[in-house]
């Protein structure tokens, strides 16, 4: 191989690293056991350590005759050196093999990894809210793809294919965001969600009929992610009955009053409709116009008076004197009168007020004990006199209003005899007692026409 295989030495001198290789020569082998022994003496000095010289650069095989000669020389010197050389060559080959094996494995791994890398890459088209884009991804399913692209979806958003669906190359993934719509449809308000991007698309998705309908905004208006408020009134058929005629209209009006106007009917004065004019008209509804004429009527009704009875010790028992005649009060009530389509309705009371309070009737009631009779007059026929004068009626009054009672007293005479109030208001017993007193003082002259009856 061009390296030394035999021992190198100089005669009597050990080789050091500082000496050149040319100072050595190749010697034939000799018997070390027959070599002479040198005396130690006092000249012994420990020899410096021997360092193996660095081998010089070796020329290529077959280029230097010296190398071929040296090899030829060393070959027969020692067989053990040849075996060591062969072992070194085998070691170098084994080392080279060990060095080449990891590189081969790396190359094989890179080749397989590239195949796996290419296999996991997928080309997909992702459309978010109508905007498509083609991209490459290593995501395994739709959920990973959306997370990778930063696309967040909520409960009202629509993803197709559904989240979690495995991805394949060439897949189309669509995301449609949900948009809130505050929808007032024919008077009913509710919040709905839609993935449509326009008002027209949202209504179509909700199944709302828009032909002839009223929309609070243009059908082509786009709906943003923030949503919008939308009022829709679909077309309805309503019948209006007024003045004996029937009118049918197709309308998207917001109130019954507007429908009546569209039917060409005018409300005047107190006219009204069978359903509230501010109400929402329903499909198939019939509205009747009520023509109303009204007036007011005031009625006055008496309020009955009460009676108050006061005891009076100056009057005999059984005697009652009306000190104050009672007077009724007055109540005034206002009523509303009206006719509906020519039919008179029941009056409706609007209010009541008291014009005058009633005055009570005051009666004095005697409590004084009555004497048994008037001396000299108790045996006369007083019933016959009463029958002649008043027909026997204690409350009788003559046509002129001057005389009253059983015995037709005038007020002055009555008071002179101790009576109170009017004679016709006193009891029959008191009137007889006063008549007896009058007879004792005046005789029968007080009754010129009927006095003779007392003795009859």
Protein backbone atom coordinates (compact mmCIF):
# COMPACT_ATOMS: atom_id res chain seq x y z
CA UNK A 1 0.00 0.00 0.00
CA UNK A 2 3.10 2.30 0.03
CA UNK A 3 3.46 2.52 3.88
CA UNK A 4 6.26 1.17 5.94
CA UNK A 5 5.82 -2.41 7.16
CA UNK A 6 9.25 -2.98 8.82
CA UNK A 7 11.14 -1.33 11.70
CA UNK A 8 13.21 1.76 10.94
CA UNK A 9 16.29 2.61 13.00
CA UNK A 10 19.66 4.29 12.85
CA UNK A 11 22.78 2.50 14.10
CA UNK A 12 23.33 3.28 17.85
CA UNK A 13 20.89 6.23 17.76
CA UNK A 14 17.21 6.44 18.60
CA UNK A 15 15.02 8.37 16.07
CA UNK A 16 13.45 11.59 17.23
CA UNK A 17 10.74 13.72 15.68
CA UNK A 18 13.24 16.42 14.73
CA UNK A 19 15.34 14.21 12.57
CA UNK A 20 14.57 13.81 8.88
CA UNK A 21 13.53 10.53 7.41
CA UNK A 22 16.58 10.58 5.10
CA UNK A 23 18.92 9.99 8.13
CA UNK A 24 17.56 6.50 8.49
CA UNK A 25 18.30 3.49 6.45
CA UNK A 26 16.70 0.13 6.04
CA UNK A 27 18.70 -2.74 7.62
CA UNK A 28 18.28 -6.44 7.35
CA UNK A 29 16.77 -8.14 10.37
CA UNK A 30 19.06 -9.44 13.01
CA UNK A 31 18.90 -11.52 16.19
CA UNK A 32 18.27 -9.30 19.11
CA UNK A 33 19.32 -11.94 21.55
CA UNK A 34 22.91 -12.09 20.12
CA UNK A 35 23.42 -8.29 20.29
CA UNK A 36 26.28 -7.13 22.56
CA UNK A 37 25.51 -5.66 25.95
CA UNK A 38 26.84 -2.17 26.61
CA UNK A 39 28.10 -1.27 30.08
CA UNK A 40 26.03 1.23 32.13
CA UNK A 41 28.73 2.87 34.13
CA UNK A 42 28.35 6.40 35.43
CA UNK A 43 27.50 7.64 31.97
CA UNK A 44 23.88 6.39 32.10
CA UNK A 45 21.26 8.99 31.46
CA UNK A 46 17.65 8.26 30.95
CA UNK A 47 16.85 8.47 27.31
CA UNK A 48 14.38 11.11 26.21
CA UNK A 49 10.95 9.81 25.36
CA UNK A 50 10.61 8.55 21.84
CA UNK A 51 7.91 10.21 19.76
CA UNK A 52 6.50 8.57 16.72
CA UNK A 53 7.26 10.86 13.76
CA UNK A 54 4.50 12.17 11.66
CA UNK A 55 4.32 10.09 8.53
CA UNK A 56 5.13 12.08 5.39
CA UNK A 57 2.71 12.37 2.52
CA UNK A 58 2.67 9.18 0.57
CA UNK A 59 2.82 9.16 -3.21
CA UNK A 60 0.41 7.14 -5.24
CA UNK A 61 1.10 3.56 -5.87
CA UNK A 62 3.29 2.77 -8.96
CA UNK A 63 4.69 6.31 -9.29
CA UNK A 64 7.85 6.14 -7.11
CA UNK A 65 10.51 3.42 -7.72
CA UNK A 66 11.74 4.03 -4.17
CA UNK A 67 8.35 3.07 -2.81
CA UNK A 68 8.31 -0.09 -4.86
CA UNK A 69 11.81 -0.95 -3.61
CA UNK A 70 10.86 -0.23 -0.01
CA UNK A 71 7.81 -2.41 -0.34
CA UNK A 72 9.85 -5.15 -1.86
CA UNK A 73 12.26 -4.81 0.95
CA UNK A 74 9.69 -4.81 3.71
CA UNK A 75 7.65 -7.68 2.41
CA UNK A 76 9.93 -10.44 3.59
CA UNK A 77 10.91 -8.63 6.75
CA UNK A 78 7.82 -9.45 8.91
CA UNK A 79 4.53 -11.30 8.07
CA UNK A 80 2.82 -9.75 11.05
CA UNK A 81 3.13 -6.31 9.48
CA UNK A 82 1.26 -7.54 6.43
CA UNK A 83 -1.53 -8.87 8.56
CA UNK A 84 -1.77 -5.54 10.37
CA UNK A 85 -1.93 -3.73 7.03
CA UNK A 86 -4.77 -5.91 5.85
CA UNK A 87 -6.66 -5.38 9.09
CA UNK A 88 -6.27 -1.64 8.69
CA UNK A 89 -7.64 -1.78 5.16
CA UNK A 90 -10.61 -3.84 6.30
CA UNK A 91 -11.22 -1.31 9.10
CA UNK A 92 -11.15 1.56 6.66
CA UNK A 93 -13.67 -0.21 4.42
CA UNK A 94 -15.93 -0.90 7.40
CA UNK A 95 -15.67 2.74 8.49
CA UNK A 96 -16.51 3.94 4.99
CA UNK A 97 -19.53 1.62 4.95
CA UNK A 98 -20.69 2.94 8.29
CA UNK A 99 -20.34 6.49 7.01
CA UNK A 100 -22.26 5.78 3.81
CA UNK A 101 -25.19 3.95 5.51
CA UNK A 102 -26.72 7.03 7.33
CA UNK A 103 -26.46 9.06 4.15
CA UNK A 104 -28.36 6.40 2.26
CA UNK A 105 -30.99 6.27 4.97
CA UNK A 106 -31.38 10.08 4.89
CA UNK A 107 -31.78 10.01 1.14
CA UNK A 108 -34.39 7.25 1.40
CA UNK A 109 -36.24 9.15 4.16
CA UNK A 110 -36.25 12.37 2.19
CA UNK A 111 -37.58 10.55 -0.84
CA UNK A 112 -40.45 8.99 1.19
CA UNK A 113 -41.17 12.28 3.07
CA UNK A 114 -41.43 14.18 -0.17
CA UNK A 115 -44.01 11.68 -1.37
CA UNK A 116 -45.99 12.06 1.90
CA UNK A 117 -45.61 15.87 1.75
CA UNK A 118 -47.04 15.95 -1.75
CA UNK A 119 -49.83 13.57 -0.76
CA UNK A 120 -51.05 15.79 2.18
CA UNK A 121 -51.13 19.02 0.17
CA UNK A 122 -54.67 19.75 -1.09
CA UNK A 123 -55.97 22.35 -3.53
CA UNK A 124 -59.41 23.59 -2.36
CA UNK A 125 -61.70 26.47 -3.23
CA UNK A 126 -62.98 28.43 -0.22
CA UNK A 127 -65.94 30.76 -0.82
CA UNK A 128 -66.73 33.12 2.10
CA UNK A 129 -69.90 35.19 1.73
CA UNK A 130 -69.82 34.94 -2.06
CA UNK A 131 -66.09 35.70 -2.45
CA UNK A 132 -64.20 32.61 -3.80
CA UNK A 133 -60.48 31.94 -3.56
CA UNK A 134 -58.35 28.90 -4.44
CA UNK A 135 -55.69 27.85 -1.93
CA UNK A 136 -53.45 24.98 -0.88
CA UNK A 137 -53.76 23.51 2.58
CA UNK A 138 -52.56 20.63 4.75
CA UNK A 139 -55.77 20.71 6.86
CA UNK A 140 -57.37 17.32 7.40
CA UNK A 141 -60.97 18.53 7.62
CA UNK A 142 -63.22 21.59 7.16
CA UNK A 143 -62.84 22.71 10.79
CA UNK A 144 -59.02 22.83 10.49
CA UNK A 145 -59.27 24.68 7.17
CA UNK A 146 -61.50 27.42 8.63
CA UNK A 147 -59.24 27.79 11.69
CA UNK A 148 -56.17 27.93 9.44
CA UNK A 149 -57.76 30.71 7.33
CA UNK A 150 -59.07 32.64 10.35
CA UNK A 151 -62.72 32.18 9.37
CA UNK A 152 -64.93 32.22 12.48
CA UNK A 153 -68.48 30.88 12.22
CA UNK A 154 -71.41 31.16 14.61
CA UNK A 155 -74.63 29.30 15.33
CA UNK A 156 -76.51 31.05 12.51
CA UNK A 157 -73.80 30.65 9.85
CA UNK A 158 -73.96 27.88 7.22
CA UNK A 159 -70.88 25.85 6.26
CA UNK A 160 -70.93 23.30 3.44
CA UNK A 161 -69.61 20.67 3.75
CA UNK A 162 -70.33 20.63 7.49
CA UNK A 163 -67.50 21.31 9.96
CA UNK A 164 -65.52 18.16 10.70
CA UNK A 165 -65.97 16.75 7.19
CA UNK A 166 -62.65 15.32 5.85
CA UNK A 167 -61.02 17.38 3.09
CA UNK A 168 -59.95 16.06 -0.29
CA UNK A 169 -58.11 17.85 -3.05
CA UNK A 170 -60.47 19.76 -5.34
CA UNK A 171 -63.06 20.26 -2.55
CA UNK A 172 -65.35 23.33 -2.64
CA UNK A 173 -65.98 24.77 0.85
CA UNK A 174 -68.65 27.47 1.18
CA UNK A 175 -69.29 29.72 4.21
CA UNK A 176 -72.43 31.85 4.32
CA UNK A 177 -72.71 34.22 7.28
CA UNK A 178 -76.04 34.60 9.08
CA UNK A 179 -77.57 38.10 9.16
CA UNK A 180 -80.21 39.25 11.70
CA UNK A 181 -83.38 40.77 10.24
CA UNK A 182 -86.01 42.48 12.44
CA UNK A 183 -89.01 41.58 10.29
CA UNK A 184 -92.46 43.13 10.73
CA UNK A 185 -94.68 41.00 8.51
CA UNK A 186 -98.35 42.02 8.28
CA UNK A 187 -98.26 43.67 11.69
CA UNK A 188 -96.38 40.87 13.51
CA UNK A 189 -92.80 41.64 14.54
CA UNK A 190 -90.12 38.98 15.02
CA UNK A 191 -86.37 38.57 14.54
CA UNK A 192 -85.18 36.06 11.95
CA UNK A 193 -81.76 35.02 10.60
CA UNK A 194 -80.88 34.67 6.94
CA UNK A 195 -77.78 33.84 4.91
CA UNK A 196 -79.10 35.71 1.88
CA UNK A 197 -77.18 38.81 0.87
CA UNK A 198 -80.15 40.84 -0.41
CA UNK A 199 -83.64 41.71 0.85
CA UNK A 200 -85.21 39.89 -2.08
CA UNK A 201 -83.20 36.73 -1.38
CA UNK A 202 -84.04 36.83 2.33
CA UNK A 203 -87.78 37.12 1.66
CA UNK A 204 -87.60 34.33 -0.90
CA UNK A 205 -85.85 32.13 1.65
CA UNK A 206 -88.51 32.92 4.24
CA UNK A 207 -91.31 32.09 1.81
CA UNK A 208 -92.79 35.61 1.86
CA UNK A 209 -94.88 36.52 -1.19
CA UNK A 210 -93.67 39.88 -2.49
CA UNK A 211 -95.97 40.36 -5.49
CA UNK A 212 -98.09 43.43 -4.81
CA UNK A 213 -96.52 43.76 -1.34
CA UNK A 214 -95.21 46.86 0.37
CA UNK A 215 -91.51 46.78 1.30
CA UNK A 216 -89.90 49.41 3.49
CA UNK A 217 -86.70 49.19 1.40
CA UNK A 218 -85.61 48.22 -2.10
CA UNK A 219 -85.63 44.45 -2.86
CA UNK A 220 -82.09 44.71 -4.26
CA UNK A 221 -80.66 46.27 -1.11
CA UNK A 222 -77.75 44.28 0.30
CA UNK A 223 -77.91 43.03 3.86
CA UNK A 224 -74.73 43.65 5.84
CA UNK A 225 -73.39 41.46 8.63
CA UNK A 226 -75.05 43.87 11.09
CA UNK A 227 -78.51 43.09 9.63
CA UNK A 228 -81.43 45.50 9.13
CA UNK A 229 -85.06 46.23 10.06
CA UNK A 230 -87.63 45.37 7.40
CA UNK A 231 -91.39 46.05 7.19
CA UNK A 232 -93.42 43.94 4.76
CA UNK A 233 -97.16 44.17 4.11
CA UNK A 234 -98.42 41.53 1.73
CA UNK A 235 -101.33 42.13 -0.64
CA UNK A 236 -104.74 41.30 0.90
CA UNK A 237 -108.39 41.30 -0.22
CA UNK A 238 -110.71 43.37 2.03
CA UNK A 239 -114.45 44.08 1.62
CA UNK A 240 -115.85 47.49 2.64
CA UNK A 241 -119.61 47.94 3.20
CA UNK A 242 -120.91 51.53 3.32
CA UNK A 243 -124.16 53.33 2.43
CA UNK A 244 -125.78 50.14 1.21
CA UNK A 245 -122.97 49.28 -1.19
CA UNK A 246 -120.23 46.64 -1.11
CA UNK A 247 -116.70 47.39 -2.34
CA UNK A 248 -113.86 44.83 -2.61
CA UNK A 249 -110.28 46.13 -2.80
CA UNK A 250 -106.83 44.55 -3.09
CA UNK A 251 -104.55 46.43 -0.78
CA UNK A 252 -101.28 46.44 1.17
CA UNK A 253 -102.47 49.25 3.46
CA UNK A 254 -101.27 49.46 7.04
CA UNK A 255 -104.63 50.38 8.69
CA UNK A 256 -108.35 49.79 8.24
CA UNK A 257 -108.80 53.54 7.81
CA UNK A 258 -106.48 53.51 4.79
CA UNK A 259 -108.45 50.62 3.26
CA UNK A 260 -111.72 52.58 3.66
CA UNK A 261 -110.14 55.56 1.91
CA UNK A 262 -108.87 53.31 -0.92
CA UNK A 263 -112.46 52.06 -1.31
CA UNK A 264 -113.57 55.66 -1.93
CA UNK A 265 -115.54 56.03 1.31
CA UNK A 266 -115.28 59.22 3.39
CA UNK A 267 -115.96 59.27 7.12
CA UNK A 268 -117.73 62.38 8.44
CA UNK A 269 -118.52 63.68 11.91
CA UNK A 270 -119.01 60.76 14.30
CA UNK A 271 -118.85 58.09 11.58
CA UNK A 272 -116.77 55.04 12.48
CA UNK A 273 -116.06 51.47 11.37
CA UNK A 274 -117.06 48.07 12.74
CA UNK A 275 -113.40 47.36 13.57
CA UNK A 276 -110.93 49.94 14.92
CA UNK A 277 -109.75 52.25 12.16
CA UNK A 278 -106.17 52.01 13.45
CA UNK A 279 -106.23 48.18 13.33
CA UNK A 280 -104.36 46.08 10.77
CA UNK A 281 -106.59 44.85 7.90
CA UNK A 282 -106.58 41.06 7.49
CA UNK A 283 -107.00 39.09 4.31
CA UNK A 284 -110.67 38.28 3.68
CA UNK A 285 -111.89 40.77 6.30
CA UNK A 286 -115.19 42.67 5.98
CA UNK A 287 -115.31 46.24 7.30
CA UNK A 288 -118.67 47.99 7.80
CA UNK A 289 -118.87 51.79 7.86
CA UNK A 290 -121.26 53.10 10.54
CA UNK A 291 -122.93 56.43 9.75
CA UNK A 292 -123.68 58.09 13.07
CA UNK A 293 -125.80 61.15 13.86
CA UNK A 294 -126.01 62.33 17.45
CA UNK A 295 -127.64 64.86 19.74
CA UNK A 296 -128.01 65.58 23.44
CA UNK A 297 -131.02 65.56 25.71
CA UNK A 298 -131.30 67.04 29.23
CA UNK A 299 -133.81 65.60 31.67
CA UNK A 300 -134.79 67.04 35.10
CA UNK A 301 -136.06 64.68 37.76
CA UNK A 302 -137.35 65.56 41.28
CA UNK A 303 -135.51 64.46 44.35
CA UNK A 304 -137.94 63.31 47.11
CA UNK A 305 -137.80 65.21 50.41
CA UNK A 306 -137.75 63.68 53.84
CA UNK A 307 -139.72 64.43 57.05
CA UNK A 308 -138.50 65.60 60.43
CA UNK A 309 -140.76 65.24 63.51
CA UNK A 310 -140.05 67.40 66.54
CA UNK A 311 -141.79 66.95 69.92
CA UNK A 312 -143.63 70.03 71.28
CA UNK A 313 -144.79 70.19 74.92
CA UNK A 314 -147.13 73.08 74.19
CA UNK A 315 -149.31 70.90 72.01
CA UNK A 316 -151.70 68.33 73.32
CA UNK A 317 -150.98 64.73 72.66
CA UNK A 318 -152.30 63.61 69.32
CA UNK A 319 -151.82 67.08 67.92
CA UNK A 320 -149.37 67.45 65.02
CA UNK A 321 -148.52 70.75 63.48
CA UNK A 322 -146.62 71.03 60.16
CA UNK A 323 -144.11 73.76 60.81
CA UNK A 324 -142.40 73.51 57.40
CA UNK A 325 -143.78 71.98 54.28
CA UNK A 326 -141.39 69.75 52.46
CA UNK A 327 -139.99 70.73 49.05
CA UNK A 328 -138.48 68.22 46.58
CA UNK A 329 -135.07 68.78 45.08
CA UNK A 330 -134.12 68.82 41.41
CA UNK A 331 -131.66 66.54 39.55
CA UNK A 332 -130.52 67.30 35.99
CA UNK A 333 -129.22 64.44 33.77
CA UNK A 334 -127.68 64.77 30.29
CA UNK A 335 -128.06 61.93 27.77
CA UNK A 336 -126.44 61.34 24.39
CA UNK A 337 -128.84 60.33 21.69
CA UNK A 338 -127.63 58.88 18.42
CA UNK A 339 -128.69 56.90 15.42
CA UNK A 340 -126.48 54.35 13.65
CA UNK A 341 -127.27 53.85 9.98
CA UNK A 342 -130.72 55.32 10.69
CA UNK A 343 -131.51 53.16 13.76
CA UNK A 344 -132.04 54.97 17.09
CA UNK A 345 -129.81 53.63 19.82
CA UNK A 346 -130.42 53.45 23.56
CA UNK A 347 -129.65 56.83 25.20
CA UNK A 348 -126.30 56.99 26.88
CA UNK A 349 -126.02 58.98 30.10
CA UNK A 350 -123.24 61.52 29.93
CA UNK A 351 -123.52 63.12 33.38
CA UNK A 352 -125.76 64.11 36.31
CA UNK A 353 -125.87 67.21 38.52
CA UNK A 354 -128.08 68.27 41.45
CA UNK A 355 -129.68 71.61 40.70
CA UNK A 356 -131.51 71.97 44.04
CA UNK A 357 -131.28 70.04 47.28
CA UNK A 358 -134.60 68.85 48.78
CA UNK A 359 -136.05 70.58 51.91
CA UNK A 360 -137.47 68.29 54.63
CA UNK A 361 -141.04 68.52 56.00
CA UNK A 362 -140.94 69.54 59.67
CA UNK A 363 -143.80 68.43 61.93
CA UNK A 364 -144.27 69.38 65.57
CA UNK A 365 -145.82 66.59 67.62
CA UNK A 366 -147.66 67.50 70.87
CA UNK A 367 -146.75 65.81 74.11
CA UNK A 368 -149.00 67.79 76.55
CA UNK A 369 -151.73 65.72 78.23
CA UNK A 370 -155.18 66.56 76.85
CA UNK A 371 -158.05 67.49 79.25
CA UNK A 372 -160.95 65.11 79.26
CA UNK A 373 -163.42 67.72 77.89
CA UNK A 374 -164.46 71.37 77.93
CA UNK A 375 -166.97 72.03 80.67
CA UNK A 376 -170.35 72.88 79.22
CA UNK A 377 -169.65 71.53 75.74
CA UNK A 378 -168.90 67.87 76.09
CA UNK A 379 -172.47 66.63 75.71
CA UNK A 380 -173.19 68.32 72.35
CA UNK A 381 -173.37 66.49 69.01
CA UNK A 382 -170.00 67.44 67.55
CA UNK A 383 -170.09 64.69 64.94
CA UNK A 384 -173.23 66.15 63.42
CA UNK A 385 -171.61 69.60 63.28
CA UNK A 386 -168.52 68.17 61.60
CA UNK A 387 -170.57 66.29 59.08
CA UNK A 388 -172.39 69.48 58.20
CA UNK A 389 -169.33 71.69 57.96
CA UNK A 390 -166.73 69.41 56.26
CA UNK A 391 -168.38 66.11 55.57
CA UNK A 392 -166.47 64.69 58.56
CA UNK A 393 -163.03 65.15 56.96
CA UNK A 394 -160.30 66.61 59.25
CA UNK A 395 -158.21 67.89 56.29
CA UNK A 396 -161.06 69.50 54.40
CA UNK A 397 -160.47 73.01 53.00
CA UNK A 398 -163.13 75.26 51.46
CA UNK A 399 -162.75 76.35 47.82
CA UNK A 400 -161.42 79.79 48.84
CA UNK A 401 -158.70 78.27 51.00
CA UNK A 402 -159.74 80.38 53.99
CA UNK A 403 -161.31 77.74 56.18
CA UNK A 404 -160.12 74.26 56.98
CA UNK A 405 -160.58 71.22 59.16
CA UNK A 406 -163.61 69.43 60.59
CA UNK A 407 -165.23 72.62 61.77
CA UNK A 408 -163.91 74.99 59.12
CA UNK A 409 -161.74 77.26 61.26
CA UNK A 410 -160.07 80.30 59.77
CA UNK A 411 -156.38 80.59 60.66
CA UNK A 412 -156.83 83.61 62.94
CA UNK A 413 -159.51 81.96 65.05
CA UNK A 414 -157.47 78.79 65.20
CA UNK A 415 -154.43 80.57 66.55
CA UNK A 416 -156.59 82.51 69.04
CA UNK A 417 -157.85 79.23 70.43
CA UNK A 418 -154.24 78.09 71.03
CA UNK A 419 -153.83 76.08 67.88
CA UNK A 420 -150.55 76.03 65.84
CA UNK A 421 -150.11 75.92 62.11
CA UNK A 422 -153.20 75.24 60.06
CA UNK A 423 -156.32 73.66 61.50
CA UNK A 424 -156.58 71.07 58.75
CA UNK A 425 -153.12 69.76 59.69
CA UNK A 426 -154.14 69.08 63.31
CA UNK A 427 -155.70 65.86 64.55
CA UNK A 428 -159.47 65.40 64.71
CA UNK A 429 -159.35 65.34 68.53
CA UNK A 430 -157.50 68.63 68.73
CA UNK A 431 -159.89 70.24 66.25
CA UNK A 432 -162.87 69.10 68.37
CA UNK A 433 -161.20 70.43 71.50
CA UNK A 434 -160.63 73.85 69.89
CA UNK A 435 -164.23 73.86 68.58
CA UNK A 436 -165.56 73.19 72.08
CA UNK A 437 -163.54 76.13 73.45
CA UNK A 438 -164.98 78.29 70.69
CA UNK A 439 -168.52 77.19 71.55
CA UNK A 440 -168.05 78.07 75.26
CA UNK A 441 -166.95 81.61 74.30
CA UNK A 442 -169.21 82.25 71.28
CA UNK A 443 -172.02 79.66 71.23
CA UNK A 444 -173.33 78.40 67.93
CA UNK A 445 -172.83 81.78 66.22
CA UNK A 446 -169.45 80.58 64.95
CA UNK A 447 -171.37 78.19 62.70
CA UNK A 448 -174.36 80.12 61.46
CA UNK A 449 -175.63 77.46 59.06
CA UNK A 450 -174.72 74.20 60.90
CA UNK A 451 -174.68 75.32 64.57
CA UNK A 452 -178.22 73.98 65.17
CA UNK A 453 -176.88 70.45 64.57
CA UNK A 454 -175.10 70.51 67.92
CA UNK A 455 -178.42 70.08 69.74
CA UNK A 456 -180.12 67.94 67.16
